[in-house]
Every structure is written in structure tokens, then in C-alpha cells.
Amino acid sequence: QVQLVESGGGLVQAGGSLRLSCVASGSIISINAMGWYRQVPGKQRELVARIASGGATYYADDVKGRFTISRGNARNTVYLQMNSLKPEDTAVYYCNADLRSPSNTRIYWGQGTQVTVSS
């Protein structure tokens, strides 16, 4: 059983910072890539940032220069450092991982963590 657990969300004023963490646990053979998505009510979930196993990163245009995605030394952890937050960053943030377990290779999702940025 594979589980992704996010933490670090909360309420912050515009211009502030938050750091999200996500830990993948369970029967994991390897992790190909990990990423962060976000979703607001009535809209589709959108990719915020992604990091491949080799370290290559991708950022959505509206977070470039403000957000930084990184992997932990244990390789089963991913972080999202969010600086210069704006009210439009308010959303539920979801961690995902494209990983291989003994039974299959598929994408797993965390339960989400709320980020609220006040103006």
C-alpha cells in the first residue's frame, strides 16, 4: 500500500511564504517523478511544478520565479517552497508521484492541503 501525505498548508498574507512537504511511504521500488498540483472549486486541477528523478524541473508560468520544487535526500519526499504568495495562489494543493510498486507503475495522489493567501 502506497501513501502520499502532504503537510505545510495554511493561511498566509499576500507576499508571505509557505513550504509544503509530501512524503511517499509504503512498498515503493522507485519514484520516476513527483509533482504538485492545485485546484480551486469549479476549476480543473492544474500542474504547478514537477521534478523528475534526474532533477529536471518544470514550473507553470504563473509560479516561475516564486515557487521552487525540490526532492529530499531520501528521494521519497518532495517540497514546494512558495514565496511572494498572491491571493490567486489560494487553492488545495495536491502532491502526486509517478512511482513503481511491486504490483504496478502508476500515479498516486495525496489527500491535499489547503493554502489560503489573504490580501
PDB file of N, CA and C in Angstrom:
ATOM      1  N   GLN A   1       0.841  -1.189   0.000  1.00  0.00           N
ATOM      2  CA  GLN A   1       0.000   0.000   0.000  1.00  0.00           C
ATOM      3  C   GLN A   1       0.879   1.243   0.000  1.00  0.00           C
ATOM      4  N   VAL A   2       0.666   2.099  -0.968  1.00  0.00           N
ATOM      5  CA  VAL A   2       1.435   3.330  -1.083  1.00  0.00           C
ATOM      6  C   VAL A   2       0.594   4.507  -0.593  1.00  0.00           C
ATOM      7  N   GLN A   3       1.217   5.380   0.114  1.00  0.00           N
ATOM      8  CA  GLN A   3       0.524   6.550   0.654  1.00  0.00           C
ATOM      9  C   GLN A   3       1.366   7.803   0.442  1.00  0.00           C
ATOM     10  N   LEU A   4       0.704   8.900   0.060  1.00  0.00           N
ATOM     11  CA  LEU A   4       1.343  10.211  -0.025  1.00  0.00           C
ATOM     12  C   LEU A   4       0.658  11.116   0.987  1.00  0.00           C
ATOM     13  N   VAL A   5       1.457  11.745   1.818  1.00  0.00           N
ATOM     14  CA  VAL A   5       0.905  12.613   2.853  1.00  0.00           C
ATOM     15  C   VAL A   5       1.535  13.995   2.730  1.00  0.00           C
ATOM     16  N   GLU A   6       0.674  15.012   2.536  1.00  0.00           N
ATOM     17  CA  GLU A   6       1.146  16.397   2.432  1.00  0.00           C
ATOM     18  C   GLU A   6       1.037  17.090   3.782  1.00  0.00           C
ATOM     19  N   SER A   7       1.837  18.121   3.944  1.00  0.00           N
ATOM     20  CA  SER A   7       1.750  18.975   5.119  1.00  0.00           C
ATOM     21  C   SER A   7       2.297  20.350   4.761  1.00  0.00           C
ATOM     22  N   GLY A   8       1.994  21.327   5.606  1.00  0.00           N
ATOM     23  CA  GLY A   8       2.578  22.645   5.433  1.00  0.00           C
ATOM     24  C   GLY A   8       1.644  23.712   4.920  1.00  0.00           C
ATOM     25  N   GLY A   9       0.413  23.347   4.594  1.00  0.00           N
ATOM     26  CA  GLY A   9      -0.523  24.365   4.141  1.00  0.00           C
ATOM     27  C   GLY A   9      -0.959  25.257   5.289  1.00  0.00           C
ATOM     28  N   GLY A  10      -1.707  26.300   4.951  1.00  0.00           N
ATOM     29  CA  GLY A  10      -2.189  27.199   5.979  1.00  0.00           C
ATOM     30  C   GLY A  10      -2.618  28.524   5.414  1.00  0.00           C
ATOM     31  N   LEU A  11      -2.767  29.485   6.313  1.00  0.00           N
ATOM     32  CA  LEU A  11      -3.194  30.841   5.961  1.00  0.00           C
ATOM     33  C   LEU A  11      -1.993  31.773   6.047  1.00  0.00           C
ATOM     34  N   VAL A  12      -1.806  32.564   4.998  1.00  0.00           N
ATOM     35  CA  VAL A  12      -0.678  33.495   4.979  1.00  0.00           C
ATOM     36  C   VAL A  12      -1.110  34.769   4.274  1.00  0.00           C
ATOM     37  N   GLN A  13      -0.493  35.869   4.612  1.00  0.00           N
ATOM     38  CA  GLN A  13      -0.798  37.135   3.948  1.00  0.00           C
ATOM     39  C   GLN A  13      -0.081  37.206   2.602  1.00  0.00           C
ATOM     40  N   ALA A  14      -0.641  37.991   1.720  1.00  0.00           N
ATOM     41  CA  ALA A  14      -0.003  38.193   0.421  1.00  0.00           C
ATOM     42  C   ALA A  14       1.429  38.694   0.624  1.00  0.00           C
ATOM     43  N   GLY A  15       2.330  38.111  -0.175  1.00  0.00           N
ATOM     44  CA  GLY A  15       3.738  38.443  -0.040  1.00  0.00           C
ATOM     45  C   GLY A  15       4.502  37.504   0.866  1.00  0.00           C
ATOM     46  N   GLY A  16       3.775  36.689   1.587  1.00  0.00           N
ATOM     47  CA  GLY A  16       4.391  35.759   2.514  1.00  0.00           C
ATOM     48  C   GLY A  16       4.848  34.479   1.845  1.00  0.00           C
ATOM     49  N   SER A  17       5.305  33.543   2.682  1.00  0.00           N
ATOM     50  CA  SER A  17       5.854  32.280   2.186  1.00  0.00           C
ATOM     51  C   SER A  17       5.266  31.093   2.941  1.00  0.00           C
ATOM     52  N   LEU A  18       5.231  29.983   2.259  1.00  0.00           N
ATOM     53  CA  LEU A  18       4.872  28.697   2.853  1.00  0.00           C
ATOM     54  C   LEU A  18       5.736  27.622   2.222  1.00  0.00           C
ATOM     55  N   ARG A  19       5.956  26.554   2.961  1.00  0.00           N
ATOM     56  CA  ARG A  19       6.688  25.407   2.423  1.00  0.00           C
ATOM     57  C   ARG A  19       5.835  24.164   2.600  1.00  0.00           C
ATOM     58  N   LEU A  20       5.487  23.557   1.488  1.00  0.00           N
ATOM     59  CA  LEU A  20       4.719  22.324   1.505  1.00  0.00           C
ATOM     60  C   LEU A  20       5.668  21.133   1.449  1.00  0.00           C
ATOM     61  N   SER A  21       5.297  20.074   2.151  1.00  0.00           N
ATOM     62  CA  SER A  21       6.060  18.839   2.128  1.00  0.00           C
ATOM     63  C   SER A  21       5.152  17.683   1.762  1.00  0.00           C
ATOM     64  N   CYS A  22       5.724  16.683   1.132  1.00  0.00           N
ATOM     65  CA  CYS A  22       4.977  15.475   0.779  1.00  0.00           C
ATOM     66  C   CYS A  22       5.905  14.282   0.943  1.00  0.00           C
ATOM     67  N   VAL A  23       5.445  13.307   1.689  1.00  0.00           N
ATOM     68  CA  VAL A  23       6.223  12.093   1.910  1.00  0.00           C
ATOM     69  C   VAL A  23       5.482  10.898   1.341  1.00  0.00           C
ATOM     70  N   ALA A  24       6.171  10.142   0.519  1.00  0.00           N
ATOM     71  CA  ALA A  24       5.621   8.908  -0.037  1.00  0.00           C
ATOM     72  C   ALA A  24       6.119   7.742   0.797  1.00  0.00           C
ATOM     73  N   SER A  25       5.199   6.857   1.186  1.00  0.00           N
ATOM     74  CA  SER A  25       5.578   5.718   2.009  1.00  0.00           C
ATOM     75  C   SER A  25       4.881   4.463   1.518  1.00  0.00           C
ATOM     76  N   GLY A  26       5.381   3.317   1.977  1.00  0.00           N
ATOM     77  CA  GLY A  26       4.796   2.053   1.577  1.00  0.00           C
ATOM     78  C   GLY A  26       5.760   1.238   0.737  1.00  0.00           C
ATOM     79  N   SER A  27       5.194   0.315  -0.022  1.00  0.00           N
ATOM     80  CA  SER A  27       6.010  -0.579  -0.850  1.00  0.00           C
ATOM     81  C   SER A  27       6.380   0.112  -2.161  1.00  0.00           C
ATOM     82  N   ILE A  28       7.466   0.860  -2.117  1.00  0.00           N
ATOM     83  CA  ILE A  28       7.914   1.642  -3.276  1.00  0.00           C
ATOM     84  C   ILE A  28       9.235   1.093  -3.772  1.00  0.00           C
ATOM     85  N   ILE A  29       9.281   0.777  -5.072  1.00  0.00           N
ATOM     86  CA  ILE A  29      10.531   0.305  -5.659  1.00  0.00           C
ATOM     87  C   ILE A  29      11.331   1.495  -6.177  1.00  0.00           C
ATOM     88  N   SER A  30      10.649   2.377  -6.885  1.00  0.00           N
ATOM     89  CA  SER A  30      11.323   3.567  -7.407  1.00  0.00           C
ATOM     90  C   SER A  30      10.289   4.647  -7.694  1.00  0.00           C
ATOM     91  N   ILE A  31      10.762   5.888  -7.692  1.00  0.00           N
ATOM     92  CA  ILE A  31       9.890   7.030  -7.988  1.00  0.00           C
ATOM     93  C   ILE A  31      10.434   7.735  -9.227  1.00  0.00           C
ATOM     94  N   ASN A  32       9.602   7.827 -10.261  1.00  0.00           N
ATOM     95  CA  ASN A  32      10.034   8.440 -11.504  1.00  0.00           C
ATOM     96  C   ASN A  32       9.979   9.955 -11.444  1.00  0.00           C
ATOM     97  N   ALA A  33       8.917  10.464 -10.913  1.00  0.00           N
ATOM     98  CA  ALA A  33       8.744  11.911 -10.833  1.00  0.00           C
ATOM     99  C   ALA A  33       7.752  12.224  -9.733  1.00  0.00           C
ATOM    100  N   MET A  34       7.876  13.409  -9.180  1.00  0.00           N
ATOM    101  CA  MET A  34       6.918  13.889  -8.188  1.00  0.00           C
ATOM    102  C   MET A  34       6.519  15.303  -8.567  1.00  0.00           C
ATOM    103  N   GLY A  35       5.316  15.660  -8.168  1.00  0.00           N
ATOM    104  CA  GLY A  35       4.850  16.982  -8.557  1.00  0.00           C
ATOM    105  C   GLY A  35       3.807  17.532  -7.610  1.00  0.00           C
ATOM    106  N   TRP A  36       3.506  18.798  -7.827  1.00  0.00           N
ATOM    107  CA  TRP A  36       2.462  19.490  -7.065  1.00  0.00           C
ATOM    108  C   TRP A  36       1.432  20.037  -8.048  1.00  0.00           C
ATOM    109  N   TYR A  37       0.175  19.808  -7.722  1.00  0.00           N
ATOM    110  CA  TYR A  37      -0.945  20.345  -8.466  1.00  0.00           C
ATOM    111  C   TYR A  37      -1.775  21.181  -7.499  1.00  0.00           C
ATOM    112  N   ARG A  38      -2.652  22.000  -8.069  1.00  0.00           N
ATOM    113  CA  ARG A  38      -3.575  22.747  -7.213  1.00  0.00           C
ATOM    114  C   ARG A  38      -4.933  22.833  -7.885  1.00  0.00           C
ATOM    115  N   GLN A  39      -5.943  23.011  -7.048  1.00  0.00           N
ATOM    116  CA  GLN A  39      -7.310  23.051  -7.567  1.00  0.00           C
ATOM    117  C   GLN A  39      -8.142  24.010  -6.727  1.00  0.00           C
ATOM    118  N   VAL A  40      -8.912  24.826  -7.437  1.00  0.00           N
ATOM    119  CA  VAL A  40      -9.885  25.685  -6.773  1.00  0.00           C
ATOM    120  C   VAL A  40     -11.267  25.206  -7.173  1.00  0.00           C
ATOM    121  N   PRO A  41     -12.274  25.461  -6.356  1.00  0.00           N
ATOM    122  CA  PRO A  41     -13.626  24.975  -6.660  1.00  0.00           C
ATOM    123  C   PRO A  41     -14.097  25.431  -8.036  1.00  0.00           C
ATOM    124  N   GLY A  42     -14.643  24.508  -8.784  1.00  0.00           N
ATOM    125  CA  GLY A  42     -15.184  24.830 -10.098  1.00  0.00           C
ATOM    126  C   GLY A  42     -14.176  24.825 -11.223  1.00  0.00           C
ATOM    127  N   LYS A  43     -12.909  24.561 -10.904  1.00  0.00           N
ATOM    128  CA  LYS A  43     -11.876  24.547 -11.935  1.00  0.00           C
ATOM    129  C   LYS A  43     -11.156  23.212 -11.932  1.00  0.00           C
ATOM    130  N   GLN A  44     -10.483  22.937 -13.052  1.00  0.00           N
ATOM    131  CA  GLN A  44      -9.721  21.702 -13.145  1.00  0.00           C
ATOM    132  C   GLN A  44      -8.448  21.802 -12.317  1.00  0.00           C
ATOM    133  N   ARG A  45      -8.008  20.642 -11.887  1.00  0.00           N
ATOM    134  CA  ARG A  45      -6.728  20.580 -11.187  1.00  0.00           C
ATOM    135  C   ARG A  45      -5.620  20.939 -12.186  1.00  0.00           C
ATOM    136  N   GLU A  46      -4.685  21.784 -11.761  1.00  0.00           N
ATOM    137  CA  GLU A  46      -3.634  22.230 -12.664  1.00  0.00           C
ATOM    138  C   GLU A  46      -2.257  21.933 -12.093  1.00  0.00           C
ATOM    139  N   LEU A  47      -1.326  21.664 -12.988  1.00  0.00           N
ATOM    140  CA  LEU A  47       0.041  21.386 -12.592  1.00  0.00           C
ATOM    141  C   LEU A  47       0.726  22.679 -12.166  1.00  0.00           C
ATOM    142  N   VAL A  48       1.369  22.630 -11.015  1.00  0.00           N
ATOM    143  CA  VAL A  48       2.109  23.775 -10.511  1.00  0.00           C
ATOM    144  C   VAL A  48       3.599  23.596 -10.773  1.00  0.00           C
ATOM    145  N   ALA A  49       4.127  22.451 -10.365  1.00  0.00           N
ATOM    146  CA  ALA A  49       5.548  22.180 -10.546  1.00  0.00           C
ATOM    147  C   ALA A  49       5.762  20.673 -10.520  1.00  0.00           C
ATOM    148  N   ARG A  50       6.857  20.259 -11.175  1.00  0.00           N
ATOM    149  CA  ARG A  50       7.139  18.839 -11.275  1.00  0.00           C
ATOM    150  C   ARG A  50       8.650  18.658 -11.272  1.00  0.00           C
ATOM    151  N   ILE A  51       9.112  17.558 -10.673  1.00  0.00           N
ATOM    152  CA  ILE A  51      10.539  17.272 -10.677  1.00  0.00           C
ATOM    153  C   ILE A  51      10.730  15.805 -11.023  1.00  0.00           C
ATOM    154  N   ALA A  52      11.591  15.564 -12.002  1.00  0.00           N
ATOM    155  CA  ALA A  52      11.866  14.201 -12.450  1.00  0.00           C
ATOM    156  C   ALA A  52      12.947  13.567 -11.579  1.00  0.00           C
ATOM    157  N   SER A  53      13.101  12.268 -11.744  1.00  0.00           N
ATOM    158  CA  SER A  53      14.072  11.555 -10.916  1.00  0.00           C
ATOM    159  C   SER A  53      15.488  12.081 -11.119  1.00  0.00           C
ATOM    160  N   GLY A  54      15.777  12.573 -12.320  1.00  0.00           N
ATOM    161  CA  GLY A  54      17.110  13.106 -12.587  1.00  0.00           C
ATOM    162  C   GLY A  54      17.303  14.534 -12.144  1.00  0.00           C
ATOM    163  N   GLY A  55      16.226  15.148 -11.677  1.00  0.00           N
ATOM    164  CA  GLY A  55      16.316  16.503 -11.159  1.00  0.00           C
ATOM    165  C   GLY A  55      15.750  17.576 -12.054  1.00  0.00           C
ATOM    166  N   ALA A  56      15.378  17.226 -13.272  1.00  0.00           N
ATOM    167  CA  ALA A  56      14.796  18.231 -14.168  1.00  0.00           C
ATOM    168  C   ALA A  56      13.479  18.729 -13.593  1.00  0.00           C
ATOM    169  N   THR A  57      13.268  20.022 -13.690  1.00  0.00           N
ATOM    170  CA  THR A  57      12.069  20.632 -13.114  1.00  0.00           C
ATOM    171  C   THR A  57      11.234  21.329 -14.175  1.00  0.00           C
ATOM    172  N   TYR A  58       9.962  21.448 -13.849  1.00  0.00           N
ATOM    173  CA  TYR A  58       9.012  22.183 -14.689  1.00  0.00           C
ATOM    174  C   TYR A  58       8.165  23.041 -13.777  1.00  0.00           C
ATOM    175  N   TYR A  59       7.884  24.265 -14.215  1.00  0.00           N
ATOM    176  CA  TYR A  59       7.022  25.167 -13.453  1.00  0.00           C
ATOM    177  C   TYR A  59       5.951  25.762 -14.361  1.00  0.00           C
ATOM    178  N   ALA A  60       4.769  25.913 -13.822  1.00  0.00           N
ATOM    179  CA  ALA A  60       3.744  26.660 -14.530  1.00  0.00           C
ATOM    180  C   ALA A  60       4.202  28.114 -14.639  1.00  0.00           C
ATOM    181  N   ASP A  61       3.780  28.773 -15.698  1.00  0.00           N
ATOM    182  CA  ASP A  61       4.253  30.137 -15.949  1.00  0.00           C
ATOM    183  C   ASP A  61       3.968  31.083 -14.787  1.00  0.00           C
ATOM    184  N   ASP A  62       2.816  30.935 -14.161  1.00  0.00           N
ATOM    185  CA  ASP A  62       2.434  31.919 -13.143  1.00  0.00           C
ATOM    186  C   ASP A  62       3.119  31.703 -11.798  1.00  0.00           C
ATOM    187  N   VAL A  63       3.943  30.675 -11.673  1.00  0.00           N
ATOM    188  CA  VAL A  63       4.684  30.477 -10.421  1.00  0.00           C
ATOM    189  C   VAL A  63       6.188  30.548 -10.623  1.00  0.00           C
ATOM    190  N   LYS A  64       6.631  30.656 -11.864  1.00  0.00           N
ATOM    191  CA  LYS A  64       8.068  30.737 -12.136  1.00  0.00           C
ATOM    192  C   LYS A  64       8.683  31.923 -11.409  1.00  0.00           C
ATOM    193  N   GLY A  65       9.814  31.671 -10.768  1.00  0.00           N
ATOM    194  CA  GLY A  65      10.495  32.728 -10.041  1.00  0.00           C
ATOM    195  C   GLY A  65       9.997  32.912  -8.620  1.00  0.00           C
ATOM    196  N   ARG A  66       8.862  32.302  -8.309  1.00  0.00           N
ATOM    197  CA  ARG A  66       8.303  32.434  -6.940  1.00  0.00           C
ATOM    198  C   ARG A  66       8.299  31.111  -6.191  1.00  0.00           C
ATOM    199  N   PHE A  67       8.071  30.013  -6.907  1.00  0.00           N
ATOM    200  CA  PHE A  67       7.996  28.691  -6.287  1.00  0.00           C
ATOM    201  C   PHE A  67       9.226  27.874  -6.673  1.00  0.00           C
ATOM    202  N   THR A  68       9.642  27.008  -5.750  1.00  0.00           N
ATOM    203  CA  THR A  68      10.760  26.109  -6.017  1.00  0.00           C
ATOM    204  C   THR A  68      10.407  24.712  -5.547  1.00  0.00           C
ATOM    205  N   ILE A  69      10.531  23.745  -6.452  1.00  0.00           N
ATOM    206  CA  ILE A  69      10.278  22.352  -6.108  1.00  0.00           C
ATOM    207  C   ILE A  69      11.615  21.657  -5.896  1.00  0.00           C
ATOM    208  N   SER A  70      11.665  20.768  -4.908  1.00  0.00           N
ATOM    209  CA  SER A  70      12.903  20.046  -4.635  1.00  0.00           C
ATOM    210  C   SER A  70      12.586  18.690  -4.037  1.00  0.00           C
ATOM    211  N   ARG A  71      13.547  17.786  -4.141  1.00  0.00           N
ATOM    212  CA  ARG A  71      13.411  16.458  -3.559  1.00  0.00           C
ATOM    213  C   ARG A  71      14.285  16.370  -2.318  1.00  0.00           C
ATOM    214  N   GLY A  72      13.829  15.581  -1.359  1.00  0.00           N
ATOM    215  CA  GLY A  72      14.616  15.358  -0.167  1.00  0.00           C
ATOM    216  C   GLY A  72      15.724  14.349  -0.414  1.00  0.00           C
ATOM    217  N   ASN A  73      16.644  14.271   0.523  1.00  0.00           N
ATOM    218  CA  ASN A  73      17.762  13.332   0.389  1.00  0.00           C
ATOM    219  C   ASN A  73      17.274  11.891   0.318  1.00  0.00           C
ATOM    220  N   ALA A  74      16.172  11.604   0.984  1.00  0.00           N
ATOM    221  CA  ALA A  74      15.631  10.253   0.988  1.00  0.00           C
ATOM    222  C   ALA A  74      14.932   9.912  -0.313  1.00  0.00           C
ATOM    223  N   ARG A  75      14.754  10.871  -1.196  1.00  0.00           N
ATOM    224  CA  ARG A  75      14.176  10.714  -2.532  1.00  0.00           C
ATOM    225  C   ARG A  75      12.695  10.386  -2.528  1.00  0.00           C
ATOM    226  N   ASN A  76      12.105  10.129  -1.359  1.00  0.00           N
ATOM    227  CA  ASN A  76      10.673   9.849  -1.310  1.00  0.00           C
ATOM    228  C   ASN A  76       9.902  11.061  -0.810  1.00  0.00           C
ATOM    229  N   THR A  77      10.597  12.194  -0.719  1.00  0.00           N
ATOM    230  CA  THR A  77       9.998  13.411  -0.212  1.00  0.00           C
ATOM    231  C   THR A  77      10.140  14.522  -1.247  1.00  0.00           C
ATOM    232  N   VAL A  78       9.090  15.302  -1.395  1.00  0.00           N
ATOM    233  CA  VAL A  78       9.160  16.448  -2.295  1.00  0.00           C
ATOM    234  C   VAL A  78       8.657  17.672  -1.555  1.00  0.00           C
ATOM    235  N   TYR A  79       9.292  18.792  -1.825  1.00  0.00           N
ATOM    236  CA  TYR A  79       8.940  20.047  -1.184  1.00  0.00           C
ATOM    237  C   TYR A  79       8.516  21.062  -2.237  1.00  0.00           C
ATOM    238  N   LEU A  80       7.696  21.998  -1.803  1.00  0.00           N
ATOM    239  CA  LEU A  80       7.360  23.137  -2.649  1.00  0.00           C
ATOM    240  C   LEU A  80       7.518  24.394  -1.798  1.00  0.00           C
ATOM    241  N   GLN A  81       8.573  25.135  -2.049  1.00  0.00           N
ATOM    242  CA  GLN A  81       8.787  26.407  -1.374  1.00  0.00           C
ATOM    243  C   GLN A  81       8.063  27.481  -2.162  1.00  0.00           C
ATOM    244  N   MET A  82       7.129  28.143  -1.505  1.00  0.00           N
ATOM    245  CA  MET A  82       6.298  29.138  -2.170  1.00  0.00           C
ATOM    246  C   MET A  82       6.582  30.503  -1.554  1.00  0.00           C
ATOM    247  N   ASN A  83       7.133  31.390  -2.338  1.00  0.00           N
ATOM    248  CA  ASN A  83       7.445  32.751  -1.895  1.00  0.00           C
ATOM    249  C   ASN A  83       6.590  33.757  -2.656  1.00  0.00           C
ATOM    250  N   SER A  84       6.544  34.960  -2.134  1.00  0.00           N
ATOM    251  CA  SER A  84       5.784  36.042  -2.778  1.00  0.00           C
ATOM    252  C   SER A  84       4.377  35.590  -3.140  1.00  0.00           C
ATOM    253  N   LEU A  85       3.726  34.974  -2.191  1.00  0.00           N
ATOM    254  CA  LEU A  85       2.403  34.410  -2.457  1.00  0.00           C
ATOM    255  C   LEU A  85       1.387  35.496  -2.778  1.00  0.00           C
ATOM    256  N   LYS A  86       0.461  35.140  -3.664  1.00  0.00           N
ATOM    257  CA  LYS A  86      -0.597  36.042  -4.099  1.00  0.00           C
ATOM    258  C   LYS A  86      -1.948  35.424  -3.756  1.00  0.00           C
ATOM    259  N   PRO A  87      -2.979  36.251  -3.608  1.00  0.00           N
ATOM    260  CA  PRO A  87      -4.312  35.692  -3.333  1.00  0.00           C
ATOM    261  C   PRO A  87      -4.741  34.656  -4.368  1.00  0.00           C
ATOM    262  N   GLU A  88      -4.323  34.820  -5.609  1.00  0.00           N
ATOM    263  CA  GLU A  88      -4.712  33.858  -6.642  1.00  0.00           C
ATOM    264  C   GLU A  88      -3.985  32.522  -6.506  1.00  0.00           C
ATOM    265  N   ASP A  89      -3.047  32.399  -5.579  1.00  0.00           N
ATOM    266  CA  ASP A  89      -2.424  31.110  -5.289  1.00  0.00           C
ATOM    267  C   ASP A  89      -3.288  30.270  -4.343  1.00  0.00           C
ATOM    268  N   THR A  90      -4.344  30.869  -3.818  1.00  0.00           N
ATOM    269  CA  THR A  90      -5.235  30.146  -2.914  1.00  0.00           C
ATOM    270  C   THR A  90      -5.842  28.945  -3.618  1.00  0.00           C
ATOM    271  N   ALA A  91      -5.681  27.768  -3.022  1.00  0.00           N
ATOM    272  CA  ALA A  91      -6.170  26.527  -3.626  1.00  0.00           C
ATOM    273  C   ALA A  91      -5.883  25.374  -2.671  1.00  0.00           C
ATOM    274  N   VAL A  92      -6.417  24.218  -3.008  1.00  0.00           N
ATOM    275  CA  VAL A  92      -5.979  22.983  -2.367  1.00  0.00           C
ATOM    276  C   VAL A  92      -4.813  22.446  -3.196  1.00  0.00           C
ATOM    277  N   TYR A  93      -3.710  22.203  -2.551  1.00  0.00           N
ATOM    278  CA  TYR A  93      -2.509  21.728  -3.226  1.00  0.00           C
ATOM    279  C   TYR A  93      -2.373  20.221  -3.004  1.00  0.00           C
ATOM    280  N   TYR A  94      -2.166  19.511  -4.115  1.00  0.00           N
ATOM    281  CA  TYR A  94      -2.058  18.060  -4.087  1.00  0.00           C
ATOM    282  C   TYR A  94      -0.672  17.630  -4.545  1.00  0.00           C
ATOM    283  N   CYS A  95      -0.122  16.684  -3.826  1.00  0.00           N
ATOM    284  CA  CYS A  95       1.130  16.060  -4.223  1.00  0.00           C
ATOM    285  C   CYS A  95       0.804  14.847  -5.087  1.00  0.00           C
ATOM    286  N   ASN A  96       1.632  14.586  -6.108  1.00  0.00           N
ATOM    287  CA  ASN A  96       1.488  13.332  -6.817  1.00  0.00           C
ATOM    288  C   ASN A  96       2.846  12.733  -7.119  1.00  0.00           C
ATOM    289  N   ALA A  97       2.836  11.433  -7.306  1.00  0.00           N
ATOM    290  CA  ALA A  97       4.077  10.715  -7.572  1.00  0.00           C
ATOM    291  C   ALA A  97       3.814   9.639  -8.606  1.00  0.00           C
ATOM    292  N   ASP A  98       4.680   9.605  -9.606  1.00  0.00           N
ATOM    293  CA  ASP A  98       4.665   8.549 -10.615  1.00  0.00           C
ATOM    294  C   ASP A  98       5.687   7.516 -10.142  1.00  0.00           C
ATOM    295  N   LEU A  99       5.190   6.416  -9.599  1.00  0.00           N
ATOM    296  CA  LEU A  99       6.116   5.511  -8.955  1.00  0.00           C
ATOM    297  C   LEU A  99       5.824   4.057  -9.270  1.00  0.00           C
ATOM    298  N   ARG A 100       6.834   3.246  -9.010  1.00  0.00           N
ATOM    299  CA  ARG A 100       6.737   1.813  -9.246  1.00  0.00           C
ATOM    300  C   ARG A 100       6.665   1.098  -7.898  1.00  0.00           C
ATOM    301  N   SER A 101       5.629   0.283  -7.767  1.00  0.00           N
ATOM    302  CA  SER A 101       5.474  -0.567  -6.590  1.00  0.00           C
ATOM    303  C   SER A 101       5.595  -2.014  -7.042  1.00  0.00           C
ATOM    304  N   PRO A 102       5.606  -2.968  -6.134  1.00  0.00           N
ATOM    305  CA  PRO A 102       5.697  -4.372  -6.558  1.00  0.00           C
ATOM    306  C   PRO A 102       4.542  -4.811  -7.457  1.00  0.00           C
ATOM    307  N   SER A 103       3.398  -4.134  -7.363  1.00  0.00           N
ATOM    308  CA  SER A 103       2.225  -4.555  -8.130  1.00  0.00           C
ATOM    309  C   SER A 103       2.061  -3.812  -9.450  1.00  0.00           C
ATOM    310  N   ASN A 104       2.535  -2.561  -9.533  1.00  0.00           N
ATOM    311  CA  ASN A 104       2.336  -1.812 -10.767  1.00  0.00           C
ATOM    312  C   ASN A 104       3.157  -0.533 -10.789  1.00  0.00           C
ATOM    313  N   THR A 105       3.049   0.182 -11.892  1.00  0.00           N
ATOM    314  CA  THR A 105       3.616   1.524 -12.021  1.00  0.00           C
ATOM    315  C   THR A 105       2.462   2.451 -12.340  1.00  0.00           C
ATOM    316  N   ARG A 106       2.232   3.427 -11.481  1.00  0.00           N
ATOM    317  CA  ARG A 106       1.086   4.314 -11.670  1.00  0.00           C
ATOM    318  C   ARG A 106       1.295   5.592 -10.886  1.00  0.00           C
ATOM    319  N   ILE A 107       0.348   6.496 -11.048  1.00  0.00           N
ATOM    320  CA  ILE A 107       0.400   7.768 -10.354  1.00  0.00           C
ATOM    321  C   ILE A 107      -0.453   7.695  -9.088  1.00  0.00           C
ATOM    322  N   TYR A 108       0.122   8.168  -8.014  1.00  0.00           N
ATOM    323  CA  TYR A 108      -0.571   8.237  -6.740  1.00  0.00           C
ATOM    324  C   TYR A 108      -0.752   9.696  -6.342  1.00  0.00           C
ATOM    325  N   TRP A 109      -1.811   9.949  -5.579  1.00  0.00           N
ATOM    326  CA  TRP A 109      -2.134  11.302  -5.134  1.00  0.00           C
ATOM    327  C   TRP A 109      -2.232  11.367  -3.613  1.00  0.00           C
ATOM    328  N   GLY A 110      -1.864  12.516  -3.075  1.00  0.00           N
ATOM    329  CA  GLY A 110      -2.092  12.784  -1.677  1.00  0.00           C
ATOM    330  C   GLY A 110      -3.502  13.294  -1.456  1.00  0.00           C
ATOM    331  N   GLN A 111      -3.839  13.578  -0.200  1.00  0.00           N
ATOM    332  CA  GLN A 111      -5.190  13.980   0.139  1.00  0.00           C
ATOM    333  C   GLN A 111      -5.414  15.479  -0.042  1.00  0.00           C
ATOM    334  N   GLY A 112      -4.346  16.231  -0.211  1.00  0.00           N
ATOM    335  CA  GLY A 112      -4.454  17.672  -0.424  1.00  0.00           C
ATOM    336  C   GLY A 112      -4.244  18.464   0.855  1.00  0.00           C
ATOM    337  N   THR A 113      -3.721  19.665   0.688  1.00  0.00           N
ATOM    338  CA  THR A 113      -3.542  20.584   1.811  1.00  0.00           C
ATOM    339  C   THR A 113      -3.967  21.980   1.357  1.00  0.00           C
ATOM    340  N   GLN A 114      -4.741  22.646   2.180  1.00  0.00           N
ATOM    341  CA  GLN A 114      -5.293  23.954   1.818  1.00  0.00           C
ATOM    342  C   GLN A 114      -4.265  25.060   2.010  1.00  0.00           C
ATOM    343  N   VAL A 115      -4.128  25.879   0.991  1.00  0.00           N
ATOM    344  CA  VAL A 115      -3.315  27.088   1.071  1.00  0.00           C
ATOM    345  C   VAL A 115      -4.234  28.277   0.826  1.00  0.00           C
ATOM    346  N   THR A 116      -4.260  29.190   1.767  1.00  0.00           N
ATOM    347  CA  THR A 116      -5.094  30.380   1.645  1.00  0.00           C
ATOM    348  C   THR A 116      -4.220  31.612   1.793  1.00  0.00           C
ATOM    349  N   VAL A 117      -4.263  32.483   0.796  1.00  0.00           N
ATOM    350  CA  VAL A 117      -3.472  33.709   0.805  1.00  0.00           C
ATOM    351  C   VAL A 117      -4.433  34.891   0.894  1.00  0.00           C
ATOM    352  N   SER A 118      -4.315  35.643   1.960  1.00  0.00           N
ATOM    353  CA  SER A 118      -5.208  36.788   2.163  1.00  0.00           C
ATOM    354  C   SER A 118      -4.580  38.058   1.587  1.00  0.00           C
ATOM    355  N   SER A 119      -5.439  38.944   1.131  1.00  0.00           N
ATOM    356  CA  SER A 119      -4.940  40.188   0.523  1.00  0.00           C
ATOM    357  C   SER A 119      -4.793  41.299   1.546  1.00  0.00           C
TER     358      SER A 119
END
